[in-house]
Protein backbone atom coordinates (compact mmCIF):
# COMPACT_ATOMS: atom_id res chain seq x y z
CA MET A 1 15.87 -12.20 4.68
CA ILE A 2 16.03 -14.66 1.79
CA GLY A 3 14.15 -17.85 2.70
CA THR A 4 16.70 -20.39 1.50
CA GLY A 5 15.62 -22.89 4.14
CA PHE A 6 12.09 -22.72 2.75
CA LEU A 7 13.26 -22.89 -0.87
CA ARG A 8 15.79 -25.74 -0.55
CA PRO A 9 13.18 -28.56 -0.29
CA LEU A 10 11.20 -27.00 -3.14
CA PHE A 11 14.33 -26.97 -5.29
CA ALA A 12 15.04 -30.60 -4.35
CA ALA A 13 11.47 -31.52 -5.42
CA GLY A 14 12.11 -30.12 -8.91
CA LEU A 15 10.72 -26.59 -8.68
CA LEU A 16 13.58 -25.06 -10.68
CA ALA A 17 12.66 -27.12 -13.75
CA GLN A 18 9.19 -25.54 -13.66
CA VAL A 19 10.05 -21.85 -13.26
CA ASP A 20 11.84 -19.17 -15.25
CA GLY A 21 13.26 -17.45 -12.18
CA ILE A 22 13.04 -16.84 -8.45
CA ALA A 23 11.85 -13.59 -6.87
CA VAL A 24 13.11 -12.58 -3.44
CA HIS A 25 12.30 -9.67 -1.13
CA PRO A 26 15.51 -9.19 0.88
CA TYR A 27 14.26 -6.43 3.21
CA ARG A 28 16.71 -5.67 6.00
CA ASN A 29 18.02 -2.82 8.12
CA ARG A 30 21.64 -3.29 7.05
CA ALA A 31 23.25 -4.64 3.88
CA GLU A 32 25.73 -6.77 5.80
CA GLY A 33 25.00 -10.46 5.29
CA LEU A 34 23.09 -10.00 2.04
CA ASP A 35 25.99 -11.41 0.02
CA ALA A 36 26.13 -14.51 2.25
CA GLU A 37 22.38 -15.07 1.86
CA MET A 38 22.71 -14.82 -1.92
CA SER A 39 25.59 -17.31 -1.84
CA GLN A 40 23.39 -19.71 0.14
CA LEU A 41 20.59 -19.30 -2.40
CA TRP A 42 22.93 -20.03 -5.33
CA ALA A 43 24.36 -23.04 -3.44
CA ALA A 44 20.85 -24.38 -2.87
CA MET A 45 20.15 -24.09 -6.59
CA ASP A 46 23.46 -25.73 -7.47
CA ALA A 47 22.67 -28.62 -5.12
CA SER A 48 19.45 -29.21 -7.06
CA GLY A 49 21.30 -29.17 -10.38
CA ARG A 50 19.88 -26.04 -11.97
CA ARG A 51 20.22 -22.28 -11.65
CA VAL A 52 17.56 -19.82 -12.71
CA PRO A 53 17.73 -16.01 -12.65
CA VAL A 54 17.06 -14.27 -9.35
CA TRP A 55 15.31 -10.92 -9.12
CA ALA A 56 14.91 -8.87 -5.96
CA THR A 57 11.44 -7.66 -6.89
CA GLU A 58 11.34 -5.50 -3.76
CA PHE A 59 13.95 -4.21 -1.37
CA GLY A 60 13.89 -1.10 0.77
CA LEU A 61 14.20 0.33 4.23
CA ALA A 62 11.59 1.84 6.51
CA THR A 63 13.39 4.59 8.41
CA ALA A 64 12.89 8.29 8.96
CA ASP A 65 16.69 8.71 8.72
CA GLN A 66 17.12 9.61 5.06
CA GLY A 67 20.92 9.40 5.26
CA THR A 68 20.72 5.82 6.45
CA ALA A 69 18.17 4.95 3.76
CA ALA A 70 20.38 6.53 1.06
CA GLY A 71 23.47 4.65 2.19
CA GLU A 72 21.61 1.36 2.43
CA LEU A 73 20.11 1.79 -1.03
CA VAL A 74 23.60 2.13 -2.48
CA LYS A 75 25.10 -0.73 -0.44
CA GLN A 76 22.23 -3.14 -0.96
CA ALA A 77 21.90 -2.45 -4.69
CA THR A 78 25.64 -2.94 -5.09
CA MET A 79 25.63 -6.18 -3.11
CA LEU A 80 22.68 -7.54 -5.05
CA ALA A 81 24.32 -6.73 -8.38
CA ALA A 82 27.66 -8.18 -7.28
CA SER A 83 25.88 -11.35 -6.11
CA GLY A 84 24.42 -11.94 -9.56
CA VAL A 85 20.87 -10.72 -9.03
CA GLY A 86 19.34 -9.91 -12.41
CA GLN A 87 17.20 -6.99 -11.24
CA ALA A 88 16.53 -5.20 -7.99
CA SER A 89 13.56 -2.91 -7.43
CA TRP A 90 13.51 -0.34 -4.62
CA TYR A 91 10.23 -0.02 -2.79
CA ALA A 92 8.70 2.59 -2.96
CA LEU A 93 8.72 5.50 -5.37
CA ILE A 94 6.63 7.80 -3.14
CA ASP A 95 5.93 7.65 0.60
CA GLN A 96 2.56 6.01 1.26
CA THR A 97 0.12 6.06 4.13
CA GLY A 98 1.07 2.56 5.28
CA PHE A 99 4.78 3.08 4.56
CA PRO A 100 5.40 6.76 5.26
CA THR A 101 9.22 6.67 5.14
CA MET A 102 10.10 4.17 2.38
CA GLY A 103 9.76 6.32 -0.73
CA LEU A 104 12.37 8.01 -2.84
CA PHE A 105 10.03 11.00 -2.76
CA ALA A 106 7.80 12.58 -0.14
CA GLY A 107 5.06 13.84 -2.41
CA SER A 108 6.92 15.69 -5.16
CA ALA A 109 10.00 16.41 -3.00
CA ILE A 110 12.99 14.18 -3.61
CA LYS A 111 14.51 12.62 -0.48
CA ASP A 112 18.15 11.67 0.20
CA GLN A 113 17.49 8.10 -0.92
CA GLY A 114 16.06 9.48 -4.17
CA ARG A 115 19.25 11.46 -4.65
CA ALA A 116 21.28 8.30 -3.99
CA PHE A 117 19.24 6.45 -6.61
CA ARG A 118 19.79 9.28 -9.09
CA PHE A 119 23.53 9.27 -8.24
CA LEU A 120 23.78 5.54 -8.99
CA GLN A 121 21.94 6.07 -12.24
CA ALA A 122 23.85 9.12 -13.44
CA SER A 123 27.32 8.79 -11.95
CA VAL A 124 28.18 5.25 -10.88
CA LEU A 125 26.73 2.83 -13.40
CA PRO A 126 28.00 4.73 -16.47
CA LYS A 127 31.60 4.57 -15.14
CA GLY A 128 32.08 0.94 -15.93
CA ARG A 129 30.72 -2.53 -15.99
CA PRO A 130 32.12 -5.68 -14.45
CA PRO A 131 33.23 -8.16 -17.15
CA GLY A 132 30.29 -10.14 -18.47
CA TRP A 133 27.61 -7.80 -17.12
CA THR A 134 25.41 -5.25 -18.77
CA TRP A 135 24.20 -2.57 -16.37
CA ALA A 136 21.02 -0.60 -16.70
CA ILE A 137 18.89 1.40 -14.36
CA ARG A 138 15.23 2.19 -14.77
CA CYS A 139 13.03 4.62 -12.97
CA CYS A 140 9.42 4.78 -12.11
CA LEU A 141 7.14 1.96 -11.18
CA PRO A 142 8.92 -0.20 -10.45
CA ILE A 143 12.05 1.63 -9.44
CA ALA A 144 14.76 -0.71 -10.56
CA LEU A 145 18.49 -1.08 -10.60
CA ALA A 146 19.28 -3.92 -12.95
CA ALA A 147 22.39 -5.95 -13.62
CA ILE A 148 21.68 -8.42 -16.39
CA PRO A 149 24.18 -11.16 -17.25
CA ARG A 150 24.96 -11.48 -20.96
């Protein structure tokens, strides 16, 4: 969840004049509602009189269901890009002891969510770009899907 209620008073106190951007970690089980939360964040910035870039410096899903994780990676990355987020980084590259289901890889074996990431990189993003946006995708620490406004 994006903490707009926490950020709104900080924005009103002048925070946005002191920073180059805002980082969010919109972890969730389902993509639905992510666009509304981003709209609320932009509205809070607008109410304070200044917008700064937003990066989702971590997003991901802890589930053993690789199909669900793959679908959510695609939906959430798409929603973040469509909402104007400048960069989104999937967490994590490789399953870890504390987060054994969140990686794109289990050891050296690619998982379904890793294939979904590769599909976005190789087959979706090269097909076209929304007007005014430059799309890029980077791999490996951090894993990132980026949509950077011109």
